[in-house]
Protein backbone atom coordinates (compact mmCIF):
# COMPACT_ATOMS: atom_id res chain seq x y z
CA MET A 1 97.63 82.05 102.36
CA ALA A 2 96.52 83.29 105.77
CA SER A 3 98.07 86.49 106.98
CA SER A 4 101.36 85.97 108.81
CA LEU A 5 102.20 86.92 112.38
CA SER A 6 105.38 88.68 113.47
CA PRO A 7 107.90 86.46 115.27
CA PHE A 8 110.23 87.74 117.96
CA VAL A 9 113.46 88.91 116.32
CA TYR A 10 116.61 89.53 118.40
CA TRP A 11 119.35 91.69 116.95
CA GLY A 12 122.87 92.78 117.73
CA GLN A 13 125.81 94.22 115.84
CA SER A 14 129.53 94.71 115.50
CA ASN A 15 131.20 97.45 113.48
CA ASP A 16 130.98 95.30 110.35
CA THR A 17 127.96 93.05 110.78
CA VAL A 18 124.36 92.84 111.97
CA SER A 19 123.15 89.69 113.73
CA LEU A 20 119.49 88.62 113.68
CA LYS A 21 117.90 85.66 115.47
CA VAL A 22 114.33 84.81 114.47
CA ASP A 23 112.73 82.98 117.40
CA LEU A 24 110.99 80.13 115.57
CA ARG A 25 111.29 76.37 116.13
CA ASN A 26 110.86 73.55 113.61
CA VAL A 27 110.93 76.00 110.71
CA GLU A 28 109.71 74.95 107.26
CA ASP A 29 109.27 76.70 103.90
CA VAL A 30 111.67 79.54 104.64
CA ASN A 31 111.45 82.44 102.18
CA VAL A 32 114.11 85.13 102.48
CA SER A 33 114.67 88.19 100.31
CA LEU A 34 117.71 90.23 101.33
CA THR A 35 118.58 93.43 99.45
CA GLU A 36 120.91 96.32 100.18
CA GLU A 37 118.02 98.24 101.73
CA GLY A 38 116.01 95.63 103.61
CA LEU A 39 115.00 92.09 104.52
CA ASP A 40 111.79 90.16 103.89
CA PHE A 41 111.27 86.94 105.86
CA ASP A 42 108.46 84.40 105.75
CA ALA A 43 108.31 80.88 107.16
CA LEU A 44 106.08 78.28 108.79
CA GLY A 45 107.20 77.49 112.32
CA LEU A 46 106.47 77.21 116.02
CA GLY A 47 106.50 80.66 117.56
CA VAL A 48 104.92 82.59 120.38
CA LYS A 49 101.43 82.06 118.88
CA GLY A 50 101.96 78.35 118.14
CA VAL A 51 102.44 76.79 114.72
CA HIS A 52 101.66 79.51 112.21
CA GLN A 53 102.94 81.40 109.21
CA TYR A 54 105.31 84.09 110.49
CA GLY A 55 106.85 86.97 108.60
CA PHE A 56 108.32 90.45 108.83
CA HIS A 57 109.89 93.22 106.79
CA LEU A 58 112.81 95.42 107.83
CA ASP A 59 114.21 98.54 106.15
CA PHE A 60 117.81 98.79 107.32
CA TYR A 61 119.31 101.93 108.84
CA LEU A 62 122.13 101.85 106.25
CA PRO A 63 122.85 99.64 103.22
CA VAL A 64 124.18 96.10 103.63
CA ASP A 65 126.03 93.69 101.35
CA PRO A 66 123.70 90.76 100.45
CA GLU A 67 126.48 88.83 98.68
CA LYS A 68 128.57 88.57 101.84
CA SER A 69 125.63 87.84 104.16
CA ARG A 70 124.46 84.40 105.30
CA TYR A 71 121.64 82.72 107.20
CA ARG A 72 120.98 79.25 108.60
CA LYS A 73 118.17 77.23 110.15
CA THR A 74 118.55 75.48 113.49
CA ASP A 75 116.06 73.54 115.58
CA ILE A 76 115.33 76.59 117.71
CA ALA A 77 115.79 79.63 115.43
CA VAL A 78 116.71 81.10 112.05
CA GLU A 79 119.95 83.08 112.38
CA PHE A 80 121.28 85.78 110.08
CA GLN A 81 124.74 87.31 109.85
CA ILE A 82 124.43 90.35 107.60
CA GLN A 83 127.45 92.23 106.33
CA LYS A 84 127.23 96.01 106.55
CA ALA A 85 128.21 98.00 103.47
CA GLY A 86 130.28 100.30 105.69
CA SER A 87 132.13 99.76 108.92
CA GLU A 88 130.31 101.70 111.63
CA THR A 89 127.98 101.22 114.59
CA TRP A 90 124.33 101.88 113.82
CA PRO A 91 122.21 103.84 116.34
CA ARG A 92 119.26 101.58 115.44
CA LEU A 93 118.41 98.73 113.08
CA THR A 94 115.59 100.31 111.08
CA SER A 95 115.62 103.28 108.72
CA GLU A 96 112.65 104.86 110.50
CA ARG A 97 112.67 105.59 114.22
CA LEU A 98 110.02 102.96 115.01
CA LYS A 99 109.32 100.95 118.16
CA LEU A 100 108.51 97.49 116.84
CA PRO A 101 107.11 95.33 119.68
CA TRP A 102 108.54 92.13 118.18
CA LEU A 103 112.10 93.47 117.69
CA LYS A 104 114.37 92.92 120.72
CA ILE A 105 118.03 93.37 121.64
CA ASP A 106 120.09 90.15 121.59
CA PHE A 107 122.19 90.28 124.76
CA ASP A 108 123.90 86.91 124.26
CA LYS A 109 124.90 86.88 120.62
CA PHE A 110 128.30 88.59 120.91
CA PRO A 111 130.94 87.41 120.74
CA LEU A 112 130.18 84.16 118.95
CA ASP A 113 132.21 81.08 119.68
CA GLU A 114 134.08 79.55 116.75
CA SER A 115 132.24 76.28 117.31
CA ASP A 116 129.07 78.03 116.11
CA ILE A 117 130.53 78.53 112.65
CA ASP A 118 129.75 75.98 109.95
CA GLU A 119 129.86 75.80 106.19
CA ASP A 120 126.25 76.95 105.87
CA MET A 121 126.89 80.27 107.55
CA GLU A 122 129.89 82.61 107.88
CA PHE A 123 130.06 84.54 111.16
CA GLU A 124 132.37 87.48 111.79
CA ASN A 125 133.89 87.37 115.28
CA GLY A 126 135.46 90.66 116.38
CA LYS A 127 136.83 91.69 119.75
CA SER A 128 134.90 94.94 119.60
CA ALA A 129 131.52 93.19 119.44
CA GLN A 130 130.75 93.43 123.15
CA LYS A 131 131.76 97.09 123.27
CA ASP A 132 129.59 97.86 120.23
CA MET A 133 126.72 95.98 121.80
CA LEU A 134 127.03 98.01 124.99
CA ASP A 135 127.03 101.18 122.90
CA LYS A 136 123.89 99.99 121.19
CA ILE A 137 122.20 99.19 124.49
CA SER A 138 123.08 102.67 125.73
CA VAL A 139 121.41 104.21 122.70
CA GLU A 140 118.36 102.00 123.16
CA MET A 141 118.11 102.95 126.83
CA ALA A 142 118.43 106.64 125.98
CA SER A 143 115.38 106.32 123.73
CA LYS A 144 113.56 103.84 125.98
CA PRO A 145 109.79 104.16 125.68
CA SER A 146 107.66 105.40 128.50
CA LYS A 147 105.55 103.09 130.65
CA ASP A 148 102.79 103.45 128.07
CA GLY A 149 105.05 101.82 125.47
CA ILE A 150 105.91 104.85 123.33
CA THR A 151 108.55 107.54 123.42
CA ALA A 152 107.80 111.26 123.65
CA THR A 153 109.03 111.62 120.07
CA GLN A 154 106.65 108.92 118.83
CA ALA A 155 103.74 110.50 120.72
CA TYR A 156 104.50 113.92 119.24
CA LEU A 157 104.81 112.56 115.68
CA PHE A 158 101.61 110.56 116.10
CA PHE A 159 99.52 113.56 117.15
CA TYR A 160 101.20 115.80 114.56
CA ASN A 161 100.35 113.41 111.72
CA LEU A 162 96.85 112.81 113.10
CA PHE A 163 96.20 116.57 113.26
CA GLN A 164 97.34 117.07 109.67
CA PHE A 165 95.38 114.05 108.44
CA VAL A 166 92.14 115.32 109.99
CA GLY A 167 92.77 118.85 108.69
CA TYR A 168 93.50 117.85 105.11
CA THR A 169 90.69 115.31 105.06
CA PHE A 170 88.25 118.07 106.00
CA ILE A 171 89.69 120.34 103.29
CA PHE A 172 89.54 117.64 100.61
CA ALA A 173 85.98 116.59 101.51
CA LYS A 174 84.74 120.20 101.59
CA LEU A 175 86.32 120.97 98.21
CA ILE A 176 84.70 117.94 96.58
CA TYR A 177 81.38 118.81 98.22
CA ILE A 178 81.23 122.43 97.02
CA TYR A 179 82.19 121.39 93.52
CA GLY A 180 79.54 118.67 93.46
CA VAL A 181 76.83 121.04 94.71
CA TYR A 182 77.76 124.35 93.05
CA GLY A 183 79.96 123.36 90.10
CA GLN A 184 82.07 126.19 88.71
CA ALA A 185 80.66 128.61 91.27
CA GLY A 186 81.82 126.26 94.01
CA MET A 187 85.35 126.25 92.61
CA GLU A 188 85.41 130.05 92.84
CA ARG A 189 84.42 129.78 96.54
CA ALA A 190 87.26 127.42 97.48
CA PHE A 191 89.24 129.95 99.49
CA GLU A 192 86.12 131.15 101.27
CA ALA A 193 85.22 127.55 102.17
CA VAL A 194 88.58 126.16 103.34
CA GLY A 195 91.09 129.01 103.20
CA SER A 196 91.47 129.36 106.96
CA GLN A 197 91.91 125.59 107.41
CA MET A 198 94.52 125.47 104.64
CA VAL A 199 96.42 128.37 106.21
CA LEU A 200 96.44 126.56 109.57
CA CYS A 201 97.61 123.23 108.13
CA GLN A 202 100.34 124.84 106.06
CA ALA A 203 101.53 126.93 109.00
CA VAL A 204 101.79 123.79 111.13
CA ALA A 205 103.59 122.01 108.25
CA VAL A 206 106.59 124.28 108.86
CA MET A 207 107.50 121.68 111.50
CA GLU A 208 108.19 119.15 108.75
CA ALA A 209 111.31 121.07 107.78
CA LEU A 210 112.47 120.82 111.41
CA HIS A 211 111.74 117.12 111.97
CA PRO A 212 114.70 115.81 109.90
CA LEU A 213 116.85 118.70 111.08
CA PHE A 214 116.49 117.53 114.69
CA GLY A 215 116.64 113.83 113.82
CA LEU A 216 112.97 113.09 114.58
CA VAL A 217 112.56 111.45 111.17
CA LYS A 218 115.05 110.11 108.67
CA SER A 219 114.40 112.12 105.50
CA SER A 220 116.04 114.78 103.39
CA VAL A 221 116.20 118.19 105.08
CA ILE A 222 116.63 119.88 101.70
CA ILE A 223 113.57 118.28 100.11
CA ALA A 224 111.40 118.95 103.18
CA MET A 225 112.59 122.56 103.32
CA ALA A 226 112.06 123.12 99.59
CA GLN A 227 108.51 121.79 99.68
CA MET A 228 107.62 123.81 102.76
CA ILE A 229 109.05 127.06 101.36
CA GLY A 230 107.48 126.50 97.94
CA ARG A 231 103.98 125.90 99.27
CA ASN A 232 104.10 128.66 101.87
CA LEU A 233 105.37 131.20 99.34
CA ILE A 234 102.42 130.46 97.07
CA LEU A 235 99.85 130.40 99.87
CA PHE A 236 101.01 133.20 102.16
CA LEU A 237 102.77 135.58 99.76
CA LEU A 238 100.52 135.18 96.72
CA VAL A 239 97.07 133.68 97.34
CA LEU A 240 96.58 135.23 100.77
CA GLN A 241 97.52 138.71 99.52
CA GLU A 242 95.71 138.78 96.18
CA PRO A 243 91.86 138.50 96.21
CA ARG A 244 91.73 137.76 92.48
CA LEU A 245 93.68 134.55 93.05
CA GLN A 246 91.33 133.58 95.87
CA LEU A 247 88.33 133.91 93.55
CA SER A 248 89.95 131.98 90.72
CA SER A 249 89.01 128.36 90.05
CA VAL A 250 92.74 127.56 89.95
CA CYS A 251 92.73 128.06 93.74
CA TRP A 252 90.25 125.17 94.06
CA LEU A 253 92.48 123.01 91.88
CA LEU A 254 95.57 123.93 93.92
CA PHE A 255 93.94 123.09 97.26
CA THR A 256 92.48 119.86 95.87
CA VAL A 257 95.82 118.63 94.58
CA TRP A 258 97.61 119.50 97.83
CA SER A 259 94.98 117.87 100.05
CA SER A 260 94.56 114.74 97.91
CA VAL A 261 98.27 114.01 98.37
CA GLU A 262 98.13 114.55 102.12
CA VAL A 263 95.08 112.38 102.84
CA ILE A 264 97.27 109.47 101.77
CA ARG A 265 100.65 110.60 103.05
CA TYR A 266 99.67 111.26 106.68
CA PRO A 267 97.83 107.97 107.40
CA PHE A 268 100.81 106.19 105.81
CA TYR A 269 103.07 107.88 108.38
CA LEU A 270 100.63 107.11 111.20
CA LEU A 271 100.68 103.40 110.43
CA GLN A 272 104.47 103.45 110.18
CA LEU A 273 104.65 104.90 113.68
CA MET A 274 102.52 101.99 114.90
CA GLY A 275 104.76 99.49 113.14
CA LEU A 276 102.05 98.58 110.61
CA LYS A 277 102.32 98.34 106.86
CA VAL A 278 99.15 98.21 104.73
CA ARG A 279 100.05 97.13 101.21
CA ILE A 280 97.40 99.18 99.39
CA LEU A 281 98.26 102.32 101.33
CA THR A 282 101.97 101.84 100.61
CA TRP A 283 101.14 101.43 96.92
CA LEU A 284 99.02 104.59 96.95
CA ARG A 285 101.69 106.57 98.82
CA TYR A 286 104.27 105.77 96.17
CA THR A 287 101.95 105.89 93.14
CA VAL A 288 99.46 108.79 93.39
CA TRP A 289 102.32 111.26 93.10
CA ILE A 290 102.79 110.18 89.46
CA PRO A 291 99.78 112.21 88.25
CA LEU A 292 99.43 114.58 91.21
CA TYR A 293 102.97 115.94 91.58
CA PRO A 294 103.31 117.05 87.92
CA LEU A 295 99.76 118.45 88.08
CA GLY A 296 100.64 120.31 91.28
CA ILE A 297 103.75 121.80 89.65
CA LEU A 298 101.65 122.99 86.70
CA VAL A 299 98.96 124.50 88.96
CA GLU A 300 101.51 126.21 91.19
CA GLY A 301 103.23 127.52 88.06
CA ALA A 302 99.91 128.87 86.75
CA ILE A 303 99.32 130.74 90.01
CA VAL A 304 102.81 132.24 89.95
CA PHE A 305 102.36 133.23 86.28
CA LYS A 306 99.01 134.92 87.01
CA SER A 307 100.58 136.63 90.02
CA ILE A 308 103.22 138.31 87.86
CA THR A 309 100.51 140.36 86.14
CA TYR A 310 98.60 141.06 89.34
CA PHE A 311 101.63 142.24 91.30
CA GLU A 312 102.82 144.34 88.36
CA GLU A 313 99.50 146.20 88.61
CA THR A 314 99.46 146.59 92.39
CA GLY A 315 103.19 147.07 92.98
CA PHE A 316 102.79 145.04 96.18
CA TYR A 317 106.12 143.86 97.68
CA SER A 318 108.03 146.05 95.19
CA PHE A 319 109.84 149.27 96.03
CA SER A 320 111.89 151.62 93.88
CA LEU A 321 114.54 154.26 94.31
CA PRO A 322 114.96 156.67 95.93
CA ASN A 323 114.40 155.27 99.41
CA SER A 324 116.19 155.26 102.78
CA ALA A 325 117.73 151.84 102.15
CA ASN A 326 119.01 152.90 98.70
CA PHE A 327 117.81 149.54 97.35
CA ALA A 328 115.21 148.63 94.72
CA PHE A 329 113.24 145.41 94.45
CA TYR A 330 110.75 144.41 91.75
CA PHE A 331 108.63 141.48 92.94
CA PRO A 332 107.47 140.29 89.48
CA TYR A 333 111.12 139.66 88.56
CA PHE A 334 111.45 137.55 91.69
CA LEU A 335 108.41 135.53 90.59
CA MET A 336 109.96 134.94 87.16
CA VAL A 337 113.09 133.54 88.80
CA HIS A 338 110.91 131.47 91.11
CA LEU A 339 109.19 129.89 88.08
CA LEU A 340 112.57 128.67 86.85
CA LEU A 341 113.49 127.33 90.29
CA MET A 342 110.13 125.54 90.48
CA ALA A 343 110.90 123.72 87.23
CA LEU A 344 114.34 122.63 88.46
CA GLY A 345 113.19 121.74 91.98
CA GLY A 346 110.12 119.94 90.67
CA SER A 347 112.16 117.69 88.39
CA ASN A 348 114.48 116.80 91.28
CA ASN A 349 111.49 115.99 93.49
CA LEU A 350 110.03 113.72 90.81
CA LYS A 351 113.36 111.88 90.51
CA HIS A 352 113.48 111.49 94.31
CA MET A 353 109.94 110.08 94.43
CA TYR A 354 110.67 107.70 91.56
CA ALA A 355 113.69 106.34 93.43
CA GLN A 356 111.59 105.95 96.59
CA ARG A 357 108.82 104.19 94.68
CA LYS A 358 111.27 101.79 93.08
CA LYS A 359 112.81 100.97 96.47
CA GLN A 360 109.58 100.57 98.44
CA LEU A 361 107.44 98.74 95.91
CA SER A 362 110.20 96.39 94.74
CA ASN A 363 110.49 95.14 98.34
CA SER A 364 106.71 94.74 98.64
CA ASN A 365 106.42 92.93 95.28
CA SER A 366 109.21 90.56 96.23
CA ARG A 367 107.45 89.63 99.46
CA THR A 368 104.10 89.19 97.67
CA ARG A 369 105.58 86.77 95.14
CA LYS A 370 107.14 84.72 97.91
CA ASN A 371 103.90 84.63 99.89
CA LYS A 372 102.00 83.39 96.82
CA SER A 373 104.55 80.68 96.20
CA SER A 374 103.99 79.47 99.77
């Protein structure tokens, strides 16, 4: 089947429901997959680009109730009335803060007249609909894109992800190159080859703990903070301070694992910001972690374990009594505790990624099966 275009979709809401109007005429072969997390739509109809196959995917801001939701075809549109799982006004329709050019505000949908209700579709008609719609319009206007079509937040996130993608791509390519040319000797030169670039990228990555904190992206603050602290502790407190770690081949393996994850993650985010979804990249984003995340945990653990011996010998970061602060600290003990925390935090991160993979790929597989059946 030829690739589908995106139709214009108009949306509105009340406290309890979300209303969607897909602007297609003479619709045939409608395929709809509605889950708690999102909606997949595909149909043949007359849209803005003429008679064509049209389709779209939406990840909702909050869960919905598919059992209590309805849709119907008319001569001029396909209309959805989707029941929210909770009663509240959403600040936006989508889970990610994206500006989708085909998604518009429906100014006329609320309130619906009772004559619009039929047995094929159940519409909720609340008095607060117009007020909620005005609230939604106010939020939309507050985040209205610039004349160039993007918001300042989107521009910042685009250039941030582009910077990190270029940086980690350079690191990954250089690591593979030195290994291919010099073998084991190249692995021992990893820090010399890309250490400064890795330090820069990881320093900039501190911003990823702030993005969800300030609402720039919708993700877990705790997970972002834990990953940032874990990586920076290993890089800045251990590898950067201990030359023997820098000359170890495990440093090459650490940098390779980190960068191989990021050369997929950052272009995935870039395409999301542009409202694009490439199936193979989505699959890679939610699949490569299966071997790489456990391997990364093992490599990071190996570096921490080696560091215990090294910092016992040097006494770096440790101080004993007596001193002016009347406080003693033994850094190797801290590293032992950190090993335990890495095991616990790593298992939680794997569970989180598994849940994300199940959510994202189940939606994609559902849409693929429906497209094939068309």
